[in-house]
Full PDB file with SEQRES, HELIX, SHEET, SSBOND, CRYST1, ORIGX, SCALE, CONECT and MASTER records, all heavy atoms in Angstrom:
SEQRES   1 A   31  LYS LEU ALA VAL LYS TRP ALA GLN ASP LYS PHE ASN HIS          
SEQRES   2 A   31  LEU GLY PHE ASP LYS VAL TRP LEU GLU PRO ALA ASN PHE          
SEQRES   3 A   31  PRO ASP TRP ARG ARG                                          
HELIX    1 AA1 LEU A    2  LEU A   14  1                                  13    
CRYST1    1.000    1.000    1.000  90.00  90.00  90.00 P 1           1          
ORIGX1      1.000000  0.000000  0.000000        0.00000                         
ORIGX2      0.000000  1.000000  0.000000        0.00000                         
ORIGX3      0.000000  0.000000  1.000000        0.00000                         
SCALE1      1.000000  0.000000  0.000000        0.00000                         
SCALE2      0.000000  1.000000  0.000000        0.00000                         
SCALE3      0.000000  0.000000  1.000000        0.00000                         
ATOM      1  N   LYS A   1      -1.396   4.444   6.408  1.00  0.00           N  
ATOM      2  CA  LYS A   1      -2.345   3.455   6.233  1.00  0.00           C  
ATOM      3  C   LYS A   1      -3.379   3.747   5.019  1.00  0.00           C  
ATOM      4  O   LYS A   1      -3.606   2.913   4.210  1.00  0.00           O  
ATOM      5  CB  LYS A   1      -3.195   2.979   7.489  1.00  0.00           C  
ATOM      6  CG  LYS A   1      -2.410   2.614   8.574  1.00  0.00           C  
ATOM      7  CD  LYS A   1      -3.147   2.467   9.911  1.00  0.00           C  
ATOM      8  CE  LYS A   1      -2.296   2.093  11.080  1.00  0.00           C  
ATOM      9  NZ  LYS A   1      -2.936   2.043  12.423  1.00  0.00           N  
ATOM     10  N   LEU A   2      -3.744   5.004   5.038  1.00  0.00           N  
ATOM     11  CA  LEU A   2      -4.599   5.527   3.940  1.00  0.00           C  
ATOM     12  C   LEU A   2      -3.896   5.348   2.621  1.00  0.00           C  
ATOM     13  O   LEU A   2      -4.491   5.040   1.539  1.00  0.00           O  
ATOM     14  CB  LEU A   2      -5.023   6.885   4.148  1.00  0.00           C  
ATOM     15  CG  LEU A   2      -6.052   7.119   5.255  1.00  0.00           C  
ATOM     16  CD1 LEU A   2      -6.268   8.590   5.538  1.00  0.00           C  
ATOM     17  CD2 LEU A   2      -7.369   6.466   5.005  1.00  0.00           C  
ATOM     18  N   ALA A   3      -2.567   5.647   2.588  1.00  0.00           N  
ATOM     19  CA  ALA A   3      -1.782   5.526   1.324  1.00  0.00           C  
ATOM     20  C   ALA A   3      -1.663   4.197   0.875  1.00  0.00           C  
ATOM     21  O   ALA A   3      -1.634   3.942  -0.352  1.00  0.00           O  
ATOM     22  CB  ALA A   3      -0.361   6.149   1.699  1.00  0.00           C  
ATOM     23  N   VAL A   4      -1.552   3.202   1.757  1.00  0.00           N  
ATOM     24  CA  VAL A   4      -1.491   1.752   1.379  1.00  0.00           C  
ATOM     25  C   VAL A   4      -2.801   1.410   0.673  1.00  0.00           C  
ATOM     26  O   VAL A   4      -2.800   0.830  -0.410  1.00  0.00           O  
ATOM     27  CB  VAL A   4      -1.211   0.925   2.509  1.00  0.00           C  
ATOM     28  CG1 VAL A   4      -1.462  -0.616   2.208  1.00  0.00           C  
ATOM     29  CG2 VAL A   4       0.206   1.005   3.089  1.00  0.00           C  
ATOM     30  N   LYS A   5      -3.931   1.810   1.205  1.00  0.00           N  
ATOM     31  CA  LYS A   5      -5.178   1.488   0.598  1.00  0.00           C  
ATOM     32  C   LYS A   5      -5.315   2.337  -0.723  1.00  0.00           C  
ATOM     33  O   LYS A   5      -5.746   1.715  -1.752  1.00  0.00           O  
ATOM     34  CB  LYS A   5      -6.305   1.980   1.598  1.00  0.00           C  
ATOM     35  CG  LYS A   5      -7.710   1.794   1.061  1.00  0.00           C  
ATOM     36  CD  LYS A   5      -8.048   0.315   0.689  1.00  0.00           C  
ATOM     37  CE  LYS A   5      -9.583   0.049   0.575  1.00  0.00           C  
ATOM     38  NZ  LYS A   5     -10.204   0.901  -0.505  1.00  0.00           N  
ATOM     39  N   TRP A   6      -4.902   3.497  -0.728  1.00  0.00           N  
ATOM     40  CA  TRP A   6      -4.893   4.278  -2.048  1.00  0.00           C  
ATOM     41  C   TRP A   6      -4.145   3.563  -3.145  1.00  0.00           C  
ATOM     42  O   TRP A   6      -4.593   3.509  -4.237  1.00  0.00           O  
ATOM     43  CB  TRP A   6      -4.206   5.706  -1.767  1.00  0.00           C  
ATOM     44  CG  TRP A   6      -4.102   6.485  -2.973  1.00  0.00           C  
ATOM     45  CD1 TRP A   6      -4.978   7.272  -3.585  1.00  0.00           C  
ATOM     46  CD2 TRP A   6      -2.957   6.465  -3.824  1.00  0.00           C  
ATOM     47  NE1 TRP A   6      -4.460   7.911  -4.713  1.00  0.00           N  
ATOM     48  CE2 TRP A   6      -3.187   7.436  -4.924  1.00  0.00           C  
ATOM     49  CE3 TRP A   6      -1.679   5.842  -3.866  1.00  0.00           C  
ATOM     50  CZ2 TRP A   6      -2.229   7.632  -5.913  1.00  0.00           C  
ATOM     51  CZ3 TRP A   6      -0.828   6.081  -4.807  1.00  0.00           C  
ATOM     52  CH2 TRP A   6      -1.056   6.943  -5.827  1.00  0.00           C  
ATOM     53  N   ALA A   7      -2.842   3.132  -2.778  1.00  0.00           N  
ATOM     54  CA  ALA A   7      -2.056   2.492  -3.813  1.00  0.00           C  
ATOM     55  C   ALA A   7      -2.711   1.244  -4.267  1.00  0.00           C  
ATOM     56  O   ALA A   7      -2.630   0.928  -5.445  1.00  0.00           O  
ATOM     57  CB  ALA A   7      -0.724   2.228  -3.143  1.00  0.00           C  
ATOM     58  N   GLN A   8      -3.205   0.416  -3.344  1.00  0.00           N  
ATOM     59  CA  GLN A   8      -3.949  -0.858  -3.786  1.00  0.00           C  
ATOM     60  C   GLN A   8      -5.061  -0.472  -4.802  1.00  0.00           C  
ATOM     61  O   GLN A   8      -5.183  -1.029  -5.915  1.00  0.00           O  
ATOM     62  CB  GLN A   8      -4.574  -1.490  -2.704  1.00  0.00           C  
ATOM     63  CG  GLN A   8      -3.618  -2.253  -1.755  1.00  0.00           C  
ATOM     64  CD  GLN A   8      -4.443  -3.016  -0.589  1.00  0.00           C  
ATOM     65  OE1 GLN A   8      -4.830  -2.278   0.299  1.00  0.00           O  
ATOM     66  NE2 GLN A   8      -4.502  -4.290  -0.715  1.00  0.00           N  
ATOM     67  N   ASP A   9      -5.883   0.495  -4.490  1.00  0.00           N  
ATOM     68  CA  ASP A   9      -6.995   0.884  -5.242  1.00  0.00           C  
ATOM     69  C   ASP A   9      -6.581   1.494  -6.679  1.00  0.00           C  
ATOM     70  O   ASP A   9      -7.138   1.187  -7.700  1.00  0.00           O  
ATOM     71  CB  ASP A   9      -7.858   1.968  -4.585  1.00  0.00           C  
ATOM     72  CG  ASP A   9      -8.657   1.421  -3.400  1.00  0.00           C  
ATOM     73  OD1 ASP A   9      -8.789   0.214  -3.303  1.00  0.00           O  
ATOM     74  OD2 ASP A   9      -9.081   2.217  -2.613  1.00  0.00           O  
ATOM     75  N   LYS A  10      -5.437   2.202  -6.610  1.00  0.00           N  
ATOM     76  CA  LYS A  10      -4.962   2.785  -7.906  1.00  0.00           C  
ATOM     77  C   LYS A  10      -4.353   1.707  -8.755  1.00  0.00           C  
ATOM     78  O   LYS A  10      -4.599   1.683  -9.985  1.00  0.00           O  
ATOM     79  CB  LYS A  10      -3.875   3.818  -7.490  1.00  0.00           C  
ATOM     80  CG  LYS A  10      -3.517   4.654  -8.729  1.00  0.00           C  
ATOM     81  CD  LYS A  10      -4.608   5.610  -9.144  1.00  0.00           C  
ATOM     82  CE  LYS A  10      -5.015   6.610  -8.171  1.00  0.00           C  
ATOM     83  NZ  LYS A  10      -6.108   7.463  -8.665  1.00  0.00           N  
ATOM     84  N   PHE A  11      -3.696   0.783  -8.224  1.00  0.00           N  
ATOM     85  CA  PHE A  11      -3.205  -0.316  -9.052  1.00  0.00           C  
ATOM     86  C   PHE A  11      -4.356  -1.087  -9.723  1.00  0.00           C  
ATOM     87  O   PHE A  11      -4.293  -1.399 -10.823  1.00  0.00           O  
ATOM     88  CB  PHE A  11      -2.309  -1.348  -8.123  1.00  0.00           C  
ATOM     89  CG  PHE A  11      -0.843  -1.066  -7.932  1.00  0.00           C  
ATOM     90  CD1 PHE A  11      -0.361  -0.997  -6.640  1.00  0.00           C  
ATOM     91  CD2 PHE A  11      -0.035  -0.687  -9.051  1.00  0.00           C  
ATOM     92  CE1 PHE A  11       1.053  -0.778  -6.503  1.00  0.00           C  
ATOM     93  CE2 PHE A  11       1.234  -0.420  -8.938  1.00  0.00           C  
ATOM     94  CZ  PHE A  11       1.812  -0.451  -7.565  1.00  0.00           C  
ATOM     95  N   ASN A  12      -5.308  -1.349  -8.955  1.00  0.00           N  
ATOM     96  CA  ASN A  12      -6.533  -2.041  -9.462  1.00  0.00           C  
ATOM     97  C   ASN A  12      -7.225  -1.324 -10.477  1.00  0.00           C  
ATOM     98  O   ASN A  12      -7.629  -1.800 -11.521  1.00  0.00           O  
ATOM     99  CB  ASN A  12      -7.432  -2.519  -8.315  1.00  0.00           C  
ATOM    100  CG  ASN A  12      -6.905  -3.658  -7.512  1.00  0.00           C  
ATOM    101  OD1 ASN A  12      -6.429  -4.636  -8.051  1.00  0.00           O  
ATOM    102  ND2 ASN A  12      -7.064  -3.583  -6.171  1.00  0.00           N  
ATOM    103  N   HIS A  13      -7.367   0.000 -10.299  1.00  0.00           N  
ATOM    104  CA  HIS A  13      -8.027   0.877 -11.225  1.00  0.00           C  
ATOM    105  C   HIS A  13      -7.220   0.917 -12.546  1.00  0.00           C  
ATOM    106  O   HIS A  13      -7.918   1.027 -13.609  1.00  0.00           O  
ATOM    107  CB  HIS A  13      -8.145   2.229 -10.690  1.00  0.00           C  
ATOM    108  CG  HIS A  13      -8.727   3.277 -11.610  1.00  0.00           C  
ATOM    109  ND1 HIS A  13     -10.129   3.295 -11.982  1.00  0.00           N  
ATOM    110  CD2 HIS A  13      -8.155   4.279 -12.341  1.00  0.00           C  
ATOM    111  CE1 HIS A  13     -10.332   4.284 -12.789  1.00  0.00           C  
ATOM    112  NE2 HIS A  13      -9.215   4.769 -13.043  1.00  0.00           N  
ATOM    113  N   LEU A  14      -5.902   0.880 -12.467  1.00  0.00           N  
ATOM    114  CA  LEU A  14      -5.073   0.872 -13.686  1.00  0.00           C  
ATOM    115  C   LEU A  14      -5.076  -0.417 -14.361  1.00  0.00           C  
ATOM    116  O   LEU A  14      -4.413  -0.600 -15.455  1.00  0.00           O  
ATOM    117  CB  LEU A  14      -3.707   1.383 -13.300  1.00  0.00           C  
ATOM    118  CG  LEU A  14      -3.531   2.787 -12.829  1.00  0.00           C  
ATOM    119  CD1 LEU A  14      -2.076   3.008 -12.251  1.00  0.00           C  
ATOM    120  CD2 LEU A  14      -3.836   3.740 -13.962  1.00  0.00           C  
ATOM    121  N   GLY A  15      -5.629  -1.464 -13.757  1.00  0.00           N  
ATOM    122  CA  GLY A  15      -5.749  -2.801 -14.480  1.00  0.00           C  
ATOM    123  C   GLY A  15      -4.599  -3.721 -14.268  1.00  0.00           C  
ATOM    124  O   GLY A  15      -4.377  -4.711 -15.092  1.00  0.00           O  
ATOM    125  N   PHE A  16      -3.830  -3.523 -13.268  1.00  0.00           N  
ATOM    126  CA  PHE A  16      -2.691  -4.485 -12.988  1.00  0.00           C  
ATOM    127  C   PHE A  16      -3.255  -5.859 -12.779  1.00  0.00           C  
ATOM    128  O   PHE A  16      -4.290  -6.076 -12.172  1.00  0.00           O  
ATOM    129  CB  PHE A  16      -1.809  -4.052 -11.800  1.00  0.00           C  
ATOM    130  CG  PHE A  16      -0.850  -2.949 -12.108  1.00  0.00           C  
ATOM    131  CD1 PHE A  16      -1.269  -1.664 -12.430  1.00  0.00           C  
ATOM    132  CD2 PHE A  16       0.533  -3.149 -12.146  1.00  0.00           C  
ATOM    133  CE1 PHE A  16      -0.406  -0.562 -12.635  1.00  0.00           C  
ATOM    134  CE2 PHE A  16       1.413  -2.152 -12.414  1.00  0.00           C  
ATOM    135  CZ  PHE A  16       0.916  -0.936 -12.697  1.00  0.00           C  
ATOM    136  N   ASP A  17      -2.512  -6.853 -13.302  1.00  0.00           N  
ATOM    137  CA  ASP A  17      -2.924  -8.265 -13.126  1.00  0.00           C  
ATOM    138  C   ASP A  17      -2.875  -8.710 -11.752  1.00  0.00           C  
ATOM    139  O   ASP A  17      -3.786  -9.511 -11.404  1.00  0.00           O  
ATOM    140  CB  ASP A  17      -1.997  -9.211 -13.974  1.00  0.00           C  
ATOM    141  CG  ASP A  17      -2.045  -8.855 -15.428  1.00  0.00           C  
ATOM    142  OD1 ASP A  17      -3.115  -8.526 -15.971  1.00  0.00           O  
ATOM    143  OD2 ASP A  17      -1.005  -8.967 -16.178  1.00  0.00           O  
ATOM    144  N   LYS A  18      -1.845  -8.346 -11.000  1.00  0.00           N  
ATOM    145  CA  LYS A  18      -1.684  -8.818  -9.530  1.00  0.00           C  
ATOM    146  C   LYS A  18      -1.459  -7.629  -8.704  1.00  0.00           C  
ATOM    147  O   LYS A  18      -0.659  -6.744  -9.120  1.00  0.00           O  
ATOM    148  CB  LYS A  18      -0.605  -9.816  -9.418  1.00  0.00           C  
ATOM    149  CG  LYS A  18      -0.751 -11.126 -10.132  1.00  0.00           C  
ATOM    150  CD  LYS A  18       0.438 -12.014 -10.141  1.00  0.00           C  
ATOM    151  CE  LYS A  18       0.927 -12.243  -8.761  1.00  0.00           C  
ATOM    152  NZ  LYS A  18       2.194 -13.057  -8.801  1.00  0.00           N  
ATOM    153  N   VAL A  19      -2.049  -7.479  -7.564  1.00  0.00           N  
ATOM    154  CA  VAL A  19      -1.853  -6.392  -6.649  1.00  0.00           C  
ATOM    155  C   VAL A  19      -1.802  -7.084  -5.221  1.00  0.00           C  
ATOM    156  O   VAL A  19      -2.701  -7.831  -4.883  1.00  0.00           O  
ATOM    157  CB  VAL A  19      -2.999  -5.386  -6.660  1.00  0.00           C  
ATOM    158  CG1 VAL A  19      -2.768  -4.167  -5.651  1.00  0.00           C  
ATOM    159  CG2 VAL A  19      -3.139  -4.726  -8.085  1.00  0.00           C  
ATOM    160  N   TRP A  20      -0.710  -6.779  -4.521  1.00  0.00           N  
ATOM    161  CA  TRP A  20      -0.639  -7.388  -3.206  1.00  0.00           C  
ATOM    162  C   TRP A  20       0.242  -6.657  -2.248  1.00  0.00           C  
ATOM    163  O   TRP A  20       0.882  -5.606  -2.671  1.00  0.00           O  
ATOM    164  CB  TRP A  20      -0.097  -8.901  -3.306  1.00  0.00           C  
ATOM    165  CG  TRP A  20       1.359  -9.032  -3.698  1.00  0.00           C  
ATOM    166  CD1 TRP A  20       2.351  -9.300  -2.784  1.00  0.00           C  
ATOM    167  CD2 TRP A  20       1.952  -9.106  -4.975  1.00  0.00           C  
ATOM    168  NE1 TRP A  20       3.538  -9.495  -3.452  1.00  0.00           N  
ATOM    169  CE2 TRP A  20       3.292  -9.290  -4.815  1.00  0.00           C  
ATOM    170  CE3 TRP A  20       1.445  -8.815  -6.216  1.00  0.00           C  
ATOM    171  CZ2 TRP A  20       4.183  -9.422  -5.874  1.00  0.00           C  
ATOM    172  CZ3 TRP A  20       2.302  -8.887  -7.324  1.00  0.00           C  
ATOM    173  CH2 TRP A  20       3.654  -9.186  -7.173  1.00  0.00           C  
ATOM    174  N   LEU A  21       0.098  -6.936  -0.909  1.00  0.00           N  
ATOM    175  CA  LEU A  21       0.801  -6.316   0.184  1.00  0.00           C  
ATOM    176  C   LEU A  21       1.823  -7.244   0.765  1.00  0.00           C  
ATOM    177  O   LEU A  21       1.569  -8.447   0.846  1.00  0.00           O  
ATOM    178  CB  LEU A  21      -0.144  -5.858   1.229  1.00  0.00           C  
ATOM    179  CG  LEU A  21      -1.283  -4.893   0.860  1.00  0.00           C  
ATOM    180  CD1 LEU A  21      -2.124  -4.582   2.146  1.00  0.00           C  
ATOM    181  CD2 LEU A  21      -0.779  -3.671   0.211  1.00  0.00           C  
ATOM    182  N   GLU A  22       2.914  -6.674   1.093  1.00  0.00           N  
ATOM    183  CA  GLU A  22       3.972  -7.458   1.877  1.00  0.00           C  
ATOM    184  C   GLU A  22       4.289  -6.680   3.105  1.00  0.00           C  
ATOM    185  O   GLU A  22       4.600  -5.513   3.007  1.00  0.00           O  
ATOM    186  CB  GLU A  22       5.174  -7.744   1.010  1.00  0.00           C  
ATOM    187  CG  GLU A  22       4.870  -8.679  -0.094  1.00  0.00           C  
ATOM    188  CD  GLU A  22       6.058  -9.050  -0.954  1.00  0.00           C  
ATOM    189  OE1 GLU A  22       7.247  -8.548  -0.701  1.00  0.00           O  
ATOM    190  OE2 GLU A  22       5.925  -9.818  -1.987  1.00  0.00           O  
ATOM    191  N   PRO A  23       4.414  -7.296   4.332  1.00  0.00           N  
ATOM    192  CA  PRO A  23       4.570  -6.543   5.496  1.00  0.00           C  
ATOM    193  C   PRO A  23       6.041  -5.989   5.643  1.00  0.00           C  
ATOM    194  O   PRO A  23       6.960  -6.558   5.095  1.00  0.00           O  
ATOM    195  CB  PRO A  23       4.371  -7.606   6.664  1.00  0.00           C  
ATOM    196  CG  PRO A  23       4.629  -8.893   5.931  1.00  0.00           C  
ATOM    197  CD  PRO A  23       4.165  -8.743   4.537  1.00  0.00           C  
ATOM    198  N   ALA A  24       6.132  -4.871   6.245  1.00  0.00           N  
ATOM    199  CA  ALA A  24       7.378  -4.168   6.565  1.00  0.00           C  
ATOM    200  C   ALA A  24       7.304  -3.655   7.981  1.00  0.00           C  
ATOM    201  O   ALA A  24       6.359  -3.085   8.466  1.00  0.00           O  
ATOM    202  CB  ALA A  24       7.567  -3.046   5.583  1.00  0.00           C  
ATOM    203  N   ASN A  25       8.422  -3.782   8.623  1.00  0.00           N  
ATOM    204  CA  ASN A  25       8.489  -3.228  10.054  1.00  0.00           C  
ATOM    205  C   ASN A  25       9.606  -2.183  10.130  1.00  0.00           C  
ATOM    206  O   ASN A  25      10.600  -2.189   9.422  1.00  0.00           O  
ATOM    207  CB  ASN A  25       8.788  -4.451  11.052  1.00  0.00           C  
ATOM    208  CG  ASN A  25       7.781  -5.396  11.038  1.00  0.00           C  
ATOM    209  OD1 ASN A  25       6.577  -5.103  11.251  1.00  0.00           O  
ATOM    210  ND2 ASN A  25       8.044  -6.695  10.854  1.00  0.00           N  
ATOM    211  N   PHE A  26       9.369  -1.283  11.052  1.00  0.00           N  
ATOM    212  CA  PHE A  26      10.310  -0.060  11.126  1.00  0.00           C  
ATOM    213  C   PHE A  26      10.258   0.604  12.554  1.00  0.00           C  
ATOM    214  O   PHE A  26       9.199   0.241  13.264  1.00  0.00           O  
ATOM    215  CB  PHE A  26       9.932   0.951  10.136  1.00  0.00           C  
ATOM    216  CG  PHE A  26       8.490   1.212  10.021  1.00  0.00           C  
ATOM    217  CD1 PHE A  26       7.832   2.115  10.869  1.00  0.00           C  
ATOM    218  CD2 PHE A  26       7.673   0.624   9.057  1.00  0.00           C  
ATOM    219  CE1 PHE A  26       6.431   2.260  10.741  1.00  0.00           C  
ATOM    220  CE2 PHE A  26       6.322   0.774   8.895  1.00  0.00           C  
ATOM    221  CZ  PHE A  26       5.708   1.659   9.873  1.00  0.00           C  
ATOM    222  N   PRO A  27      11.167   1.339  12.891  1.00  0.00           N  
ATOM    223  CA  PRO A  27      11.120   2.011  14.248  1.00  0.00           C  
ATOM    224  C   PRO A  27      10.144   3.140  14.095  1.00  0.00           C  
ATOM    225  O   PRO A  27      10.136   3.942  13.196  1.00  0.00           O  
ATOM    226  CB  PRO A  27      12.497   2.667  14.347  1.00  0.00           C  
ATOM    227  CG  PRO A  27      13.166   2.617  13.034  1.00  0.00           C  
ATOM    228  CD  PRO A  27      12.497   1.548  12.268  1.00  0.00           C  
ATOM    229  N   ASP A  28       9.196   3.198  14.977  1.00  0.00           N  
ATOM    230  CA  ASP A  28       7.999   4.188  14.973  1.00  0.00           C  
ATOM    231  C   ASP A  28       8.272   5.327  15.883  1.00  0.00           C  
ATOM    232  O   ASP A  28       8.346   5.232  17.118  1.00  0.00           O  
ATOM    233  CB  ASP A  28       6.757   3.397  15.485  1.00  0.00           C  
ATOM    234  CG  ASP A  28       5.446   4.030  15.011  1.00  0.00           C  
ATOM    235  OD1 ASP A  28       5.510   5.052  14.385  1.00  0.00           O  
ATOM    236  OD2 ASP A  28       4.366   3.468  15.235  1.00  0.00           O  
ATOM    237  N   TRP A  29       8.414   6.489  15.293  1.00  0.00           N  
ATOM    238  CA  TRP A  29       8.760   7.739  16.016  1.00  0.00           C  
ATOM    239  C   TRP A  29       7.697   8.864  15.566  1.00  0.00           C  
ATOM    240  O   TRP A  29       7.256   8.836  14.441  1.00  0.00           O  
ATOM    241  CB  TRP A  29      10.119   8.229  15.579  1.00  0.00           C  
ATOM    242  CG  TRP A  29      10.523   9.602  16.073  1.00  0.00           C  
ATOM    243  CD1 TRP A  29      11.116   9.763  17.388  1.00  0.00           C  
ATOM    244  CD2 TRP A  29      10.557  10.802  15.406  1.00  0.00           C  
ATOM    245  NE1 TRP A  29      11.398  11.166  17.456  1.00  0.00           N  
ATOM    246  CE2 TRP A  29      11.068  11.763  16.323  1.00  0.00           C  
ATOM    247  CE3 TRP A  29      10.073  11.189  14.137  1.00  0.00           C  
ATOM    248  CZ2 TRP A  29      11.116  13.151  16.078  1.00  0.00           C  
ATOM    249  CZ3 TRP A  29      10.159  12.542  13.883  1.00  0.00           C  
ATOM    250  CH2 TRP A  29      10.642  13.544  14.712  1.00  0.00           C  
ATOM    251  N   ARG A  30       7.333   9.699  16.476  1.00  0.00           N  
ATOM    252  CA  ARG A  30       6.319  10.788  16.197  1.00  0.00           C  
ATOM    253  C   ARG A  30       6.910  12.127  16.591  1.00  0.00           C  
ATOM    254  O   ARG A  30       7.454  12.274  17.703  1.00  0.00           O  
ATOM    255  CB  ARG A  30       5.021  10.550  16.937  1.00  0.00           C  
ATOM    256  CG  ARG A  30       4.292   9.366  16.460  1.00  0.00           C  
ATOM    257  CD  ARG A  30       3.602   9.658  15.128  1.00  0.00           C  
ATOM    258  NE  ARG A  30       2.713   8.503  14.782  1.00  0.00           N  
ATOM    259  CZ  ARG A  30       3.130   7.259  14.329  1.00  0.00           C  
ATOM    260  NH1 ARG A  30       4.476   7.107  14.182  1.00  0.00           N  
ATOM    261  NH2 ARG A  30       2.321   6.357  14.114  1.00  0.00           N  
ATOM    262  N   ARG A  31       6.679  13.050  15.699  1.00  0.00           N  
ATOM    263  CA  ARG A  31       6.908  14.476  15.989  1.00  0.00           C  
ATOM    264  C   ARG A  31       5.562  15.120  16.437  1.00  0.00           C  
ATOM    265  O   ARG A  31       4.612  15.008  15.786  1.00  0.00           O  
ATOM    266  CB  ARG A  31       7.452  15.180  14.729  1.00  0.00           C  
ATOM    267  CG  ARG A  31       7.683  16.690  14.806  1.00  0.00           C  
ATOM    268  CD  ARG A  31       7.600  17.344  13.424  1.00  0.00           C  
ATOM    269  NE  ARG A  31       8.208  16.544  12.345  1.00  0.00           N  
ATOM    270  CZ  ARG A  31       9.472  16.568  12.063  1.00  0.00           C  
ATOM    271  NH1 ARG A  31      10.333  17.195  12.729  1.00  0.00           N  
ATOM    272  NH2 ARG A  31       9.902  15.753  11.084  1.00  0.00           N  
TER     273      ARG A  31                                                      
MASTER        0    0    0    1    0    0    0    6  272    1    0    3          
END                                                                             
């Protein structure tokens, strides 16, 4: 989740015209 926020902020900082999120689902496993 932090990486998603990081990527949004980085795209915006670099001046991209459009920045957006699209949902993704996956099997959730933990070690």
